[in-house]
Amino acid sequence: MPPRSSLLRAGLAVLAIVQGTIAVWALVAPRSFHSEFPGPGSPWVAPLGPYDEHLVRDAGALSLALTLVLVAALVWLERRLVIVAAAAYLAWELPHLAFHLTADDALTTSARVLSEAGQVLATLVAIAVLAGAVRWRAPERG
């Protein structure tokens, strides 16, 4: 176990909880996800385009797949798996963040700030997990 295993697990847990929540909501209630995410009162998805059940369900399924990889890394905490899980998260999050930084004009200012701040925070968590796993060295075998 790496000396900072609890920090790696905490980072992976945060990312998995967020992705898992998105996955379940988008898969179980795609129209609600489109019209209400992240919660009633200030939707972040609907202002960006018309409802497309296929697209919302596909996004939910991809979030579910990413959640599975994050949970596997959290449970087994094997260096290579943690690296792959964090890199997979960043492969999804960085283009997602880039889109929102350049195309969120339809959102209210407060929704835009909250959305982008949450994405930046998640990106930083994933980078920290990746960096921690990359620096993790297996103990010498005697």
Protein backbone atom coordinates (compact mmCIF):
# COMPACT_ATOMS: atom_id res chain seq x y z
CA MET A 1 0.00 0.00 0.00
CA PRO A 2 1.29 3.48 -0.76
CA PRO A 3 1.77 5.71 2.28
CA ARG A 4 -0.94 8.04 0.97
CA SER A 5 -3.42 5.31 0.08
CA SER A 6 -6.22 6.96 2.04
CA LEU A 7 -5.78 10.16 -0.01
CA LEU A 8 -5.84 8.21 -3.27
CA ARG A 9 -8.95 6.36 -2.13
CA ALA A 10 -10.63 9.60 -1.07
CA GLY A 11 -9.94 11.21 -4.46
CA LEU A 12 -11.17 8.15 -6.33
CA ALA A 13 -14.28 8.03 -4.12
CA VAL A 14 -15.15 11.67 -4.85
CA LEU A 15 -14.80 11.14 -8.60
CA ALA A 16 -16.77 7.87 -8.49
CA ILE A 17 -19.61 9.37 -6.45
CA VAL A 18 -19.98 12.31 -8.83
CA GLN A 19 -19.85 10.11 -11.95
CA GLY A 20 -22.11 7.47 -10.42
CA THR A 21 -24.73 10.05 -9.51
CA ILE A 22 -24.66 11.50 -13.02
CA ALA A 23 -24.82 8.00 -14.53
CA VAL A 24 -27.81 6.81 -12.53
CA TRP A 25 -29.79 10.02 -13.03
CA ALA A 26 -29.13 10.17 -16.79
CA LEU A 27 -29.98 6.49 -17.27
CA VAL A 28 -33.04 6.28 -15.02
CA ALA A 29 -34.61 9.66 -15.80
CA PRO A 30 -32.99 11.15 -18.91
CA ARG A 31 -35.61 13.86 -19.46
CA SER A 32 -35.32 14.97 -15.83
CA PHE A 33 -31.53 14.97 -16.13
CA HIS A 34 -31.72 17.19 -19.22
CA SER A 35 -34.22 19.64 -17.76
CA GLU A 36 -33.11 19.75 -14.11
CA PHE A 37 -29.41 18.87 -13.73
CA PRO A 38 -27.80 19.68 -11.27
CA GLY A 39 -31.05 20.34 -9.42
CA PRO A 40 -34.37 22.16 -9.71
CA GLY A 41 -34.18 25.89 -10.34
CA SER A 42 -31.06 26.43 -12.42
CA PRO A 43 -30.59 23.78 -15.12
CA TRP A 44 -27.18 23.43 -16.75
CA VAL A 45 -27.98 21.04 -19.62
CA ALA A 46 -31.29 22.26 -21.09
CA PRO A 47 -30.05 25.77 -21.97
CA LEU A 48 -27.30 24.25 -24.12
CA GLY A 49 -29.52 22.37 -26.55
CA PRO A 50 -32.72 20.44 -27.19
CA TYR A 51 -33.50 17.20 -25.39
CA ASP A 52 -32.13 14.07 -27.05
CA GLU A 53 -32.91 10.91 -25.08
CA HIS A 54 -30.34 8.87 -26.98
CA LEU A 55 -27.56 11.36 -26.26
CA VAL A 56 -28.45 11.69 -22.56
CA ARG A 57 -28.64 7.91 -22.10
CA ASP A 58 -25.32 7.44 -23.93
CA ALA A 59 -23.69 10.04 -21.67
CA GLY A 60 -25.16 8.25 -18.66
CA ALA A 61 -23.86 4.88 -19.85
CA LEU A 62 -20.39 6.31 -20.42
CA SER A 63 -20.47 7.86 -16.95
CA LEU A 64 -21.46 4.45 -15.57
CA ALA A 65 -18.51 2.80 -17.34
CA LEU A 66 -16.15 5.44 -15.97
CA THR A 67 -17.64 4.93 -12.49
CA LEU A 68 -16.89 1.21 -12.74
CA VAL A 69 -13.22 1.89 -13.53
CA LEU A 70 -12.96 4.43 -10.69
CA VAL A 71 -14.57 2.03 -8.19
CA ALA A 72 -12.27 -0.82 -9.29
CA ALA A 73 -9.25 1.43 -8.71
CA LEU A 74 -10.66 2.48 -5.34
CA VAL A 75 -11.23 -1.13 -4.21
CA TRP A 76 -8.04 -2.74 -5.50
CA LEU A 77 -5.77 0.32 -5.26
CA GLU A 78 -3.23 -1.14 -7.66
CA ARG A 79 -0.86 1.49 -9.05
CA ARG A 80 -1.45 0.82 -12.75
CA LEU A 81 -5.22 0.65 -12.31
CA VAL A 82 -5.26 3.93 -10.37
CA ILE A 83 -3.20 5.57 -13.14
CA VAL A 84 -5.58 4.26 -15.82
CA ALA A 85 -8.66 5.34 -13.84
CA ALA A 86 -7.35 8.87 -13.26
CA ALA A 87 -6.15 9.18 -16.87
CA ALA A 88 -9.53 7.93 -18.15
CA TYR A 89 -11.29 10.49 -15.98
CA LEU A 90 -9.07 13.26 -17.35
CA ALA A 91 -9.60 12.03 -20.92
CA TRP A 92 -13.29 12.67 -20.33
CA GLU A 93 -13.11 15.74 -18.10
CA LEU A 94 -10.59 17.90 -19.97
CA PRO A 95 -12.56 18.08 -23.26
CA HIS A 96 -15.76 18.46 -21.22
CA LEU A 97 -14.23 21.36 -19.28
CA ALA A 98 -12.86 22.95 -22.47
CA PHE A 99 -16.34 22.86 -23.99
CA HIS A 100 -17.93 24.50 -20.97
CA LEU A 101 -15.25 27.17 -20.70
CA THR A 102 -16.02 28.22 -24.28
CA ALA A 103 -19.74 27.48 -24.72
CA ASP A 104 -21.60 28.21 -21.48
CA ASP A 105 -22.97 31.59 -22.59
CA ALA A 106 -26.53 30.24 -22.38
CA LEU A 107 -26.18 29.68 -18.63
CA THR A 108 -26.74 32.29 -15.97
CA THR A 109 -23.56 33.74 -14.52
CA SER A 110 -24.01 31.90 -11.23
CA ALA A 111 -24.73 28.60 -12.99
CA ARG A 112 -21.69 29.08 -15.19
CA VAL A 113 -19.42 29.83 -12.22
CA LEU A 114 -20.71 26.84 -10.24
CA SER A 115 -20.54 24.47 -13.22
CA GLU A 116 -17.05 25.45 -14.26
CA ALA A 117 -15.74 25.61 -10.68
CA GLY A 118 -17.01 22.09 -10.04
CA GLN A 119 -15.37 20.84 -13.20
CA VAL A 120 -12.06 22.54 -12.36
CA LEU A 121 -12.18 21.04 -8.86
CA ALA A 122 -12.86 17.55 -10.24
CA THR A 123 -10.02 18.01 -12.72
CA LEU A 124 -7.65 18.97 -9.90
CA VAL A 125 -8.72 15.93 -7.86
CA ALA A 126 -8.07 13.65 -10.84
CA ILE A 127 -4.66 15.27 -11.46
CA ALA A 128 -3.76 14.81 -7.78
CA VAL A 129 -4.80 11.13 -7.90
CA LEU A 130 -2.81 10.62 -11.09
CA ALA A 131 0.26 12.37 -9.68
CA GLY A 132 0.04 10.37 -6.45
CA ALA A 133 -0.19 7.11 -8.35
CA VAL A 134 2.66 8.01 -10.72
CA ARG A 135 4.93 8.89 -7.76
CA TRP A 136 3.98 5.68 -5.97
CA ARG A 137 6.89 3.25 -6.08
CA ALA A 138 6.53 -0.43 -5.35
CA PRO A 139 8.57 -1.55 -2.33
CA GLU A 140 11.93 -3.16 -3.06
CA ARG A 141 11.85 -6.94 -3.00
CA GLY A 142 14.53 -8.46 -0.85
